[in-house]
Amino acid sequence: MKPGTLKLILAASVALNLFAVAVAATLYVTRAEVEHRVDAQHRPPRTGSPMMLVGQLDPAVRDRVRTTLRASALSVRPDFEEARQKRREAVRIASSEAFDSARVTTLLTESREAELRGRGRLEADAVAVLGTLEPADRKALSEILTRRGRVVVRQDRRRAAEERASAKAD
């Protein structure tokens, strides 16, 4: 073989090996992230509503925690009502003849901001309550900080509806 041909084959081999190493490194690095996402999707929903979780607490602190969380929920109610109202208005405008893209976008942004504002206040109040509890009670109540309950229930309902629809189609 000619020296030029050998150099070309060697360069191609090196390039192929570098590509294989890059693919292997990418797979190795992203595998953990993918596994984390899969685990998060299959994590069970929280065991119940926040007030059911409060019911598991020591009776001496249960009433204080329940009162504090209820007051917090009532104080943020206007934020969530504003979020729902703005989203309904955005849907109404989007489905009307006088569609205004800028207005719909603005309403959806304001709705998200109101919801985030309310959620932030709820979470801050929950963290403040958790800071006043003993470790065992804090561990039991810390589940209120998860948001998986409603999402998983929605997914389960959607999956059940799809299964019923496919069963009817058969």
N, C-alpha and C. Protein backbone atom coordinates (compact mmCIF):
# COMPACT_ATOMS: atom_id res chain seq x y z
N MET A 1 0.84 -1.17 0.00
CA MET A 1 0.00 0.00 0.00
C MET A 1 0.89 1.24 0.00
N LYS A 2 0.33 2.24 -0.58
CA LYS A 2 1.06 3.50 -0.64
C LYS A 2 0.97 4.22 0.70
N PRO A 3 1.97 5.03 1.03
CA PRO A 3 1.93 5.77 2.29
C PRO A 3 0.73 6.71 2.38
N GLY A 4 0.30 7.31 1.28
CA GLY A 4 -0.86 8.21 1.29
C GLY A 4 -2.14 7.47 1.64
N THR A 5 -2.29 6.25 1.15
CA THR A 5 -3.47 5.44 1.44
C THR A 5 -3.49 5.04 2.92
N LEU A 6 -2.32 4.65 3.43
CA LEU A 6 -2.24 4.28 4.85
C LEU A 6 -2.59 5.46 5.74
N LYS A 7 -2.12 6.64 5.40
CA LYS A 7 -2.42 7.84 6.18
C LYS A 7 -3.91 8.13 6.15
N LEU A 8 -4.55 7.94 4.99
CA LEU A 8 -5.98 8.18 4.86
C LEU A 8 -6.77 7.18 5.71
N ILE A 9 -6.36 5.91 5.67
CA ILE A 9 -7.04 4.88 6.46
C ILE A 9 -6.84 5.16 7.96
N LEU A 10 -5.63 5.55 8.34
CA LEU A 10 -5.36 5.87 9.73
C LEU A 10 -6.18 7.06 10.20
N ALA A 11 -6.30 8.10 9.38
CA ALA A 11 -7.10 9.27 9.73
C ALA A 11 -8.57 8.91 9.87
N ALA A 12 -9.07 8.08 8.96
CA ALA A 12 -10.47 7.64 9.03
C ALA A 12 -10.70 6.82 10.30
N SER A 13 -9.75 5.96 10.64
CA SER A 13 -9.87 5.13 11.84
C SER A 13 -9.87 6.00 13.10
N VAL A 14 -8.97 6.98 13.14
CA VAL A 14 -8.92 7.87 14.30
C VAL A 14 -10.23 8.65 14.41
N ALA A 15 -10.75 9.17 13.31
CA ALA A 15 -12.00 9.92 13.33
C ALA A 15 -13.15 9.03 13.80
N LEU A 16 -13.21 7.80 13.31
CA LEU A 16 -14.26 6.88 13.72
C LEU A 16 -14.16 6.55 15.21
N ASN A 17 -12.95 6.35 15.70
CA ASN A 17 -12.76 6.06 17.12
C ASN A 17 -13.14 7.26 17.98
N LEU A 18 -12.76 8.47 17.56
CA LEU A 18 -13.15 9.66 18.30
C LEU A 18 -14.67 9.81 18.35
N PHE A 19 -15.33 9.53 17.23
CA PHE A 19 -16.79 9.59 17.19
C PHE A 19 -17.39 8.58 18.17
N ALA A 20 -16.84 7.35 18.17
CA ALA A 20 -17.35 6.31 19.07
C ALA A 20 -17.15 6.71 20.53
N VAL A 21 -16.00 7.29 20.85
CA VAL A 21 -15.74 7.73 22.22
C VAL A 21 -16.71 8.86 22.61
N ALA A 22 -16.98 9.78 21.70
CA ALA A 22 -17.91 10.87 21.99
C ALA A 22 -19.32 10.34 22.23
N VAL A 23 -19.75 9.37 21.43
CA VAL A 23 -21.07 8.77 21.62
C VAL A 23 -21.14 8.06 22.97
N ALA A 24 -20.11 7.29 23.30
CA ALA A 24 -20.10 6.58 24.58
C ALA A 24 -20.12 7.56 25.75
N ALA A 25 -19.36 8.63 25.66
CA ALA A 25 -19.34 9.61 26.74
C ALA A 25 -20.69 10.29 26.89
N THR A 26 -21.32 10.62 25.78
CA THR A 26 -22.64 11.25 25.83
C THR A 26 -23.66 10.31 26.46
N LEU A 27 -23.64 9.06 26.07
CA LEU A 27 -24.57 8.09 26.66
C LEU A 27 -24.32 7.94 28.16
N TYR A 28 -23.07 7.90 28.55
CA TYR A 28 -22.75 7.75 29.96
C TYR A 28 -23.22 8.95 30.78
N VAL A 29 -23.03 10.13 30.26
CA VAL A 29 -23.40 11.34 30.99
C VAL A 29 -24.91 11.50 31.07
N THR A 30 -25.63 11.23 29.99
CA THR A 30 -27.08 11.47 29.98
C THR A 30 -27.88 10.32 30.58
N ARG A 31 -27.28 9.15 30.74
CA ARG A 31 -28.01 8.01 31.28
C ARG A 31 -28.56 8.31 32.67
N ALA A 32 -27.76 8.90 33.53
CA ALA A 32 -28.21 9.20 34.89
C ALA A 32 -29.37 10.19 34.87
N GLU A 33 -29.31 11.16 33.99
CA GLU A 33 -30.39 12.14 33.89
C GLU A 33 -31.68 11.49 33.42
N VAL A 34 -31.58 10.61 32.45
CA VAL A 34 -32.76 9.92 31.95
C VAL A 34 -33.36 9.03 33.03
N GLU A 35 -32.50 8.32 33.76
CA GLU A 35 -33.00 7.46 34.84
C GLU A 35 -33.70 8.29 35.91
N HIS A 36 -33.15 9.46 36.21
CA HIS A 36 -33.78 10.35 37.20
C HIS A 36 -35.16 10.78 36.73
N ARG A 37 -35.29 11.13 35.46
CA ARG A 37 -36.59 11.54 34.93
C ARG A 37 -37.59 10.40 34.96
N VAL A 38 -37.16 9.20 34.60
CA VAL A 38 -38.06 8.04 34.62
C VAL A 38 -38.51 7.75 36.04
N ASP A 39 -37.58 7.81 37.00
CA ASP A 39 -37.95 7.60 38.40
C ASP A 39 -38.96 8.64 38.87
N ALA A 40 -38.77 9.88 38.45
CA ALA A 40 -39.69 10.95 38.85
C ALA A 40 -41.08 10.72 38.28
N GLN A 41 -41.16 10.17 37.08
CA GLN A 41 -42.46 9.92 36.46
C GLN A 41 -43.19 8.77 37.15
N HIS A 42 -42.44 7.83 37.67
CA HIS A 42 -43.07 6.66 38.28
C HIS A 42 -43.21 6.77 39.79
N ARG A 43 -42.80 7.90 40.35
CA ARG A 43 -42.95 8.12 41.78
C ARG A 43 -44.43 8.22 42.10
N PRO A 44 -44.88 7.58 43.15
CA PRO A 44 -46.30 7.62 43.48
C PRO A 44 -46.72 9.02 43.90
N PRO A 45 -48.00 9.32 43.75
CA PRO A 45 -48.49 10.63 44.19
C PRO A 45 -48.41 10.72 45.71
N ARG A 46 -48.54 11.93 46.20
CA ARG A 46 -48.51 12.05 47.64
C ARG A 46 -49.71 11.32 48.22
N THR A 47 -49.61 10.99 49.48
CA THR A 47 -50.59 10.09 50.09
C THR A 47 -51.95 10.73 50.32
N GLY A 48 -52.05 12.02 50.25
CA GLY A 48 -53.34 12.63 50.47
C GLY A 48 -53.26 14.14 50.42
N SER A 49 -54.37 14.75 50.74
CA SER A 49 -54.42 16.21 50.75
C SER A 49 -53.56 16.74 51.89
N PRO A 50 -53.20 18.00 51.82
CA PRO A 50 -52.41 18.56 52.92
C PRO A 50 -53.10 18.41 54.27
N MET A 51 -54.40 18.55 54.31
CA MET A 51 -55.09 18.44 55.60
C MET A 51 -55.10 16.99 56.10
N MET A 52 -55.08 16.01 55.18
CA MET A 52 -54.95 14.61 55.61
C MET A 52 -53.57 14.39 56.22
N LEU A 53 -52.56 15.03 55.63
CA LEU A 53 -51.22 14.91 56.17
C LEU A 53 -51.13 15.57 57.55
N VAL A 54 -51.81 16.69 57.71
CA VAL A 54 -51.83 17.36 59.01
C VAL A 54 -52.48 16.45 60.05
N GLY A 55 -53.46 15.68 59.63
CA GLY A 55 -54.14 14.77 60.55
C GLY A 55 -53.22 13.71 61.13
N GLN A 56 -52.08 13.46 60.49
CA GLN A 56 -51.13 12.47 60.97
C GLN A 56 -50.20 13.03 62.04
N LEU A 57 -50.25 14.32 62.25
CA LEU A 57 -49.34 14.96 63.20
C LEU A 57 -49.73 14.67 64.63
N ASP A 58 -48.80 14.95 65.51
CA ASP A 58 -49.03 14.85 66.94
C ASP A 58 -50.20 15.77 67.31
N PRO A 59 -51.15 15.30 68.08
CA PRO A 59 -52.32 16.12 68.40
C PRO A 59 -51.99 17.47 69.02
N ALA A 60 -50.87 17.57 69.71
CA ALA A 60 -50.52 18.83 70.35
C ALA A 60 -50.24 19.94 69.34
N VAL A 61 -49.74 19.59 68.17
CA VAL A 61 -49.43 20.61 67.16
C VAL A 61 -50.41 20.63 66.00
N ARG A 62 -51.24 19.61 65.91
CA ARG A 62 -52.15 19.47 64.76
C ARG A 62 -53.03 20.71 64.55
N ASP A 63 -53.67 21.18 65.62
CA ASP A 63 -54.59 22.31 65.48
C ASP A 63 -53.85 23.59 65.06
N ARG A 64 -52.68 23.82 65.65
CA ARG A 64 -51.91 25.01 65.29
C ARG A 64 -51.50 24.98 63.82
N VAL A 65 -51.03 23.81 63.36
CA VAL A 65 -50.60 23.68 61.97
C VAL A 65 -51.80 23.81 61.03
N ARG A 66 -52.89 23.17 61.38
CA ARG A 66 -54.10 23.23 60.55
C ARG A 66 -54.59 24.68 60.42
N THR A 67 -54.64 25.38 61.53
CA THR A 67 -55.08 26.78 61.52
C THR A 67 -54.16 27.65 60.67
N THR A 68 -52.86 27.46 60.81
CA THR A 68 -51.89 28.26 60.07
C THR A 68 -51.98 27.99 58.57
N LEU A 69 -52.07 26.71 58.20
CA LEU A 69 -52.15 26.38 56.77
C LEU A 69 -53.48 26.83 56.16
N ARG A 70 -54.55 26.72 56.93
CA ARG A 70 -55.85 27.18 56.43
C ARG A 70 -55.83 28.69 56.22
N ALA A 71 -55.25 29.43 57.14
CA ALA A 71 -55.15 30.89 57.00
C ALA A 71 -54.30 31.24 55.79
N SER A 72 -53.24 30.49 55.57
CA SER A 72 -52.39 30.73 54.41
C SER A 72 -53.16 30.49 53.12
N ALA A 73 -53.91 29.39 53.07
CA ALA A 73 -54.69 29.08 51.88
C ALA A 73 -55.74 30.15 51.61
N LEU A 74 -56.37 30.63 52.66
CA LEU A 74 -57.38 31.69 52.48
C LEU A 74 -56.75 33.00 52.02
N SER A 75 -55.54 33.27 52.47
CA SER A 75 -54.90 34.52 52.08
C SER A 75 -54.46 34.53 50.62
N VAL A 76 -54.19 33.36 50.07
CA VAL A 76 -53.75 33.31 48.65
C VAL A 76 -54.90 33.01 47.70
N ARG A 77 -56.07 32.77 48.23
CA ARG A 77 -57.22 32.48 47.37
C ARG A 77 -57.44 33.54 46.29
N PRO A 78 -57.32 34.84 46.59
CA PRO A 78 -57.50 35.84 45.54
C PRO A 78 -56.51 35.69 44.37
N ASP A 79 -55.29 35.27 44.67
CA ASP A 79 -54.31 35.06 43.60
C ASP A 79 -54.76 33.95 42.66
N PHE A 80 -55.22 32.84 43.23
CA PHE A 80 -55.65 31.72 42.40
C PHE A 80 -56.95 32.04 41.66
N GLU A 81 -57.84 32.78 42.30
CA GLU A 81 -59.07 33.19 41.61
C GLU A 81 -58.74 34.12 40.45
N GLU A 82 -57.79 35.03 40.65
CA GLU A 82 -57.35 35.91 39.57
C GLU A 82 -56.75 35.10 38.43
N ALA A 83 -55.95 34.10 38.76
CA ALA A 83 -55.34 33.26 37.73
C ALA A 83 -56.41 32.53 36.92
N ARG A 84 -57.40 31.96 37.59
CA ARG A 84 -58.48 31.26 36.88
C ARG A 84 -59.29 32.21 36.03
N GLN A 85 -59.60 33.38 36.56
CA GLN A 85 -60.40 34.37 35.82
C GLN A 85 -59.67 34.82 34.57
N LYS A 86 -58.39 35.10 34.68
CA LYS A 86 -57.62 35.56 33.51
C LYS A 86 -57.49 34.45 32.47
N ARG A 87 -57.35 33.22 32.91
CA ARG A 87 -57.25 32.12 31.96
C ARG A 87 -58.60 31.92 31.24
N ARG A 88 -59.70 32.02 31.99
CA ARG A 88 -61.02 31.93 31.34
C ARG A 88 -61.21 33.03 30.32
N GLU A 89 -60.79 34.24 30.67
CA GLU A 89 -60.90 35.37 29.74
C GLU A 89 -60.04 35.13 28.50
N ALA A 90 -58.85 34.57 28.69
CA ALA A 90 -57.98 34.27 27.54
C ALA A 90 -58.63 33.23 26.63
N VAL A 91 -59.26 32.23 27.21
CA VAL A 91 -59.95 31.21 26.42
C VAL A 91 -61.13 31.83 25.68
N ARG A 92 -61.87 32.71 26.36
CA ARG A 92 -63.01 33.35 25.72
C ARG A 92 -62.57 34.18 24.52
N ILE A 93 -61.51 34.96 24.68
CA ILE A 93 -61.02 35.79 23.57
C ILE A 93 -60.45 34.92 22.46
N ALA A 94 -59.75 33.85 22.81
CA ALA A 94 -59.16 32.98 21.79
C ALA A 94 -60.22 32.28 20.96
N SER A 95 -61.38 32.03 21.55
CA SER A 95 -62.43 31.33 20.81
C SER A 95 -63.43 32.28 20.16
N SER A 96 -63.24 33.57 20.33
CA SER A 96 -64.20 34.53 19.77
C SER A 96 -63.79 34.96 18.37
N GLU A 97 -64.69 35.64 17.70
CA GLU A 97 -64.42 36.17 16.37
C GLU A 97 -63.37 37.27 16.43
N ALA A 98 -63.34 38.03 17.51
CA ALA A 98 -62.41 39.14 17.65
C ALA A 98 -61.15 38.67 18.37
N PHE A 99 -60.47 37.71 17.78
CA PHE A 99 -59.26 37.15 18.37
C PHE A 99 -58.15 38.19 18.41
N ASP A 100 -57.56 38.36 19.59
CA ASP A 100 -56.46 39.31 19.77
C ASP A 100 -55.29 38.55 20.41
N SER A 101 -54.34 38.19 19.58
CA SER A 101 -53.22 37.37 20.03
C SER A 101 -52.45 38.03 21.17
N ALA A 102 -52.20 39.31 21.06
CA ALA A 102 -51.45 40.01 22.10
C ALA A 102 -52.20 39.99 23.43
N ARG A 103 -53.50 40.20 23.38
CA ARG A 103 -54.31 40.21 24.60
C ARG A 103 -54.35 38.83 25.25
N VAL A 104 -54.50 37.79 24.42
CA VAL A 104 -54.53 36.42 24.95
C VAL A 104 -53.19 36.11 25.62
N THR A 105 -52.10 36.47 24.96
CA THR A 105 -50.77 36.22 25.52
C THR A 105 -50.59 36.97 26.84
N THR A 106 -51.03 38.21 26.89
CA THR A 106 -50.93 39.01 28.11
C THR A 106 -51.74 38.38 29.23
N LEU A 107 -52.97 37.97 28.92
CA LEU A 107 -53.82 37.36 29.96
C LEU A 107 -53.20 36.05 30.48
N LEU A 108 -52.66 35.24 29.59
CA LEU A 108 -52.04 33.99 30.02
C LEU A 108 -50.81 34.26 30.89
N THR A 109 -50.04 35.26 30.52
CA THR A 109 -48.88 35.63 31.33
C THR A 109 -49.31 36.11 32.70
N GLU A 110 -50.32 36.96 32.75
CA GLU A 110 -50.82 37.45 34.04
C GLU A 110 -51.40 36.32 34.87
N SER A 111 -52.05 35.37 34.22
CA SER A 111 -52.60 34.21 34.93
C SER A 111 -51.48 33.39 35.56
N ARG A 112 -50.44 33.12 34.79
CA ARG A 112 -49.30 32.38 35.32
C ARG A 112 -48.64 33.11 36.48
N GLU A 113 -48.48 34.43 36.33
CA GLU A 113 -47.86 35.21 37.40
C GLU A 113 -48.68 35.18 38.68
N ALA A 114 -50.00 35.28 38.55
CA ALA A 114 -50.87 35.23 39.73
C ALA A 114 -50.78 33.87 40.40
N GLU A 115 -50.76 32.81 39.60
CA GLU A 115 -50.66 31.47 40.16
C GLU A 115 -49.32 31.27 40.85
N LEU A 116 -48.25 31.72 40.21
CA LEU A 116 -46.93 31.59 40.82
C LEU A 116 -46.81 32.42 42.10
N ARG A 117 -47.42 33.58 42.09
CA ARG A 117 -47.41 34.43 43.29
C ARG A 117 -48.11 33.69 44.45
N GLY A 118 -49.28 33.13 44.16
CA GLY A 118 -50.02 32.40 45.18
C GLY A 118 -49.27 31.16 45.64
N ARG A 119 -48.73 30.42 44.69
CA ARG A 119 -47.99 29.20 45.03
C ARG A 119 -46.75 29.56 45.87
N GLY A 120 -46.08 30.63 45.50
CA GLY A 120 -44.90 31.05 46.26
C GLY A 120 -45.23 31.39 47.70
N ARG A 121 -46.35 32.09 47.88
CA ARG A 121 -46.76 32.43 49.25
C ARG A 121 -47.15 31.18 50.03
N LEU A 122 -47.86 30.25 49.37
CA LEU A 122 -48.22 29.00 50.05
C LEU A 122 -46.98 28.23 50.48
N GLU A 123 -46.02 28.13 49.56
CA GLU A 123 -44.81 27.38 49.87
C GLU A 123 -44.01 28.06 50.98
N ALA A 124 -43.92 29.38 50.95
CA ALA A 124 -43.19 30.10 52.00
C ALA A 124 -43.86 29.88 53.36
N ASP A 125 -45.18 29.93 53.38
CA ASP A 125 -45.90 29.69 54.64
C ASP A 125 -45.71 28.25 55.11
N ALA A 126 -45.70 27.30 54.18
CA ALA A 126 -45.51 25.90 54.54
C ALA A 126 -44.11 25.69 55.12
N VAL A 127 -43.12 26.31 54.52
CA VAL A 127 -41.76 26.18 55.03
C VAL A 127 -41.66 26.80 56.43
N ALA A 128 -42.33 27.92 56.64
CA ALA A 128 -42.33 28.54 57.97
C ALA A 128 -42.95 27.61 58.99
N VAL A 129 -44.04 26.94 58.62
CA VAL A 129 -44.69 25.99 59.54
C VAL A 129 -43.77 24.81 59.80
N LEU A 130 -43.14 24.30 58.74
CA LEU A 130 -42.24 23.16 58.92
C LEU A 130 -41.10 23.49 59.87
N GLY A 131 -40.65 24.74 59.85
CA GLY A 131 -39.58 25.15 60.73
C GLY A 131 -39.94 25.14 62.20
N THR A 132 -41.23 25.09 62.51
CA THR A 132 -41.66 25.09 63.91
C THR A 132 -41.92 23.69 64.45
N LEU A 133 -41.74 22.67 63.60
CA LEU A 133 -42.10 21.30 64.00
C LEU A 133 -40.90 20.49 64.44
N GLU A 134 -41.19 19.46 65.20
CA GLU A 134 -40.16 18.47 65.57
C GLU A 134 -39.82 17.66 64.33
N PRO A 135 -38.63 17.04 64.29
CA PRO A 135 -38.20 16.31 63.09
C PRO A 135 -39.19 15.25 62.60
N ALA A 136 -39.80 14.49 63.49
CA ALA A 136 -40.74 13.45 63.05
C ALA A 136 -41.97 14.06 62.40
N ASP A 137 -42.51 15.10 63.01
CA ASP A 137 -43.68 15.77 62.43
C ASP A 137 -43.32 16.47 61.13
N ARG A 138 -42.13 17.08 61.10
CA ARG A 138 -41.68 17.76 59.89
C ARG A 138 -41.53 16.77 58.74
N LYS A 139 -41.03 15.59 59.04
CA LYS A 139 -40.87 14.56 58.00
C LYS A 139 -42.23 14.15 57.46
N ALA A 140 -43.20 13.97 58.34
CA ALA A 140 -44.54 13.56 57.91
C ALA A 140 -45.21 14.64 57.08
N LEU A 141 -45.02 15.89 57.45
CA LEU A 141 -45.71 16.99 56.78
C LEU A 141 -44.95 17.52 55.56
N SER A 142 -43.67 17.20 55.45
CA SER A 142 -42.87 17.75 54.35
C SER A 142 -43.41 17.36 52.98
N GLU A 143 -44.24 16.35 52.94
CA GLU A 143 -44.82 15.90 51.67
C GLU A 143 -45.75 16.96 51.06
N ILE A 144 -46.19 17.94 51.85
CA ILE A 144 -47.05 18.97 51.29
C ILE A 144 -46.31 19.82 50.27
N LEU A 145 -44.99 19.76 50.26
CA LEU A 145 -44.22 20.54 49.30
C LEU A 145 -44.16 19.88 47.93
N THR A 146 -44.63 18.65 47.81
CA THR A 146 -44.63 17.99 46.50
C THR A 146 -45.82 18.47 45.70
N ARG A 147 -45.67 18.43 44.39
CA ARG A 147 -46.76 18.86 43.52
C ARG A 147 -47.26 17.70 42.67
N ARG A 148 -46.85 16.49 42.98
CA ARG A 148 -47.13 15.36 42.12
C ARG A 148 -48.56 14.86 42.22
N GLY A 149 -49.22 15.10 43.28
CA GLY A 149 -50.54 14.51 43.50
C GLY A 149 -51.51 14.76 42.38
N ARG A 150 -51.73 15.99 42.01
CA ARG A 150 -52.72 16.32 40.99
C ARG A 150 -52.27 15.86 39.61
N VAL A 151 -50.98 15.97 39.31
CA VAL A 151 -50.47 15.59 38.00
C VAL A 151 -50.67 14.11 37.76
N VAL A 152 -50.30 13.30 38.75
CA VAL A 152 -50.43 11.85 38.59
C VAL A 152 -51.89 11.46 38.46
N VAL A 153 -52.76 12.06 39.26
CA VAL A 153 -54.18 11.75 39.19
C VAL A 153 -54.70 12.09 37.80
N ARG A 154 -54.32 13.25 37.26
CA ARG A 154 -54.74 13.64 35.93
C ARG A 154 -54.25 12.64 34.89
N GLN A 155 -52.99 12.20 35.01
CA GLN A 155 -52.44 11.24 34.07
C GLN A 155 -53.18 9.91 34.18
N ASP A 156 -53.48 9.47 35.40
CA ASP A 156 -54.20 8.22 35.57
C ASP A 156 -55.60 8.31 34.98
N ARG A 157 -56.27 9.44 35.16
CA ARG A 157 -57.61 9.60 34.58
C ARG A 157 -57.54 9.59 33.06
N ARG A 158 -56.54 10.28 32.51
CA ARG A 158 -56.40 10.31 31.05
C ARG A 158 -56.12 8.90 30.52
N ARG A 159 -55.23 8.17 31.19
CA ARG A 159 -54.90 6.82 30.77
C ARG A 159 -56.13 5.92 30.84
N ALA A 160 -56.92 6.04 31.91
CA ALA A 160 -58.13 5.23 32.04
C ALA A 160 -59.14 5.57 30.95
N ALA A 161 -59.28 6.86 30.62
CA ALA A 161 -60.19 7.26 29.56
C ALA A 161 -59.73 6.70 28.21
N GLU A 162 -58.43 6.72 27.97
CA GLU A 162 -57.91 6.18 26.71
C GLU A 162 -58.15 4.67 26.64
N GLU A 163 -57.98 3.98 27.78
CA GLU A 163 -58.22 2.54 27.78
C GLU A 163 -59.70 2.23 27.53
N ARG A 164 -60.60 3.03 28.13
CA ARG A 164 -62.03 2.81 27.89
C ARG A 164 -62.38 3.06 26.42
N ALA A 165 -61.76 4.11 25.84
CA ALA A 165 -62.03 4.42 24.44
C ALA A 165 -61.51 3.31 23.53
N SER A 166 -60.36 2.77 23.82
CA SER A 166 -59.83 1.70 22.98
C SER A 166 -60.64 0.42 23.16
N ALA A 167 -61.17 0.18 24.38
CA ALA A 167 -61.99 -0.99 24.61
C ALA A 167 -63.31 -0.89 23.84
N LYS A 168 -63.87 0.31 23.77
CA LYS A 168 -65.11 0.52 23.01
C LYS A 168 -64.86 0.35 21.52
N ALA A 169 -63.67 0.76 21.06
CA ALA A 169 -63.35 0.68 19.65
C ALA A 169 -63.20 -0.78 19.21
N ASP A 170 -62.77 -1.64 20.14
CA ASP A 170 -62.58 -3.07 19.81
C ASP A 170 -63.91 -3.73 19.76
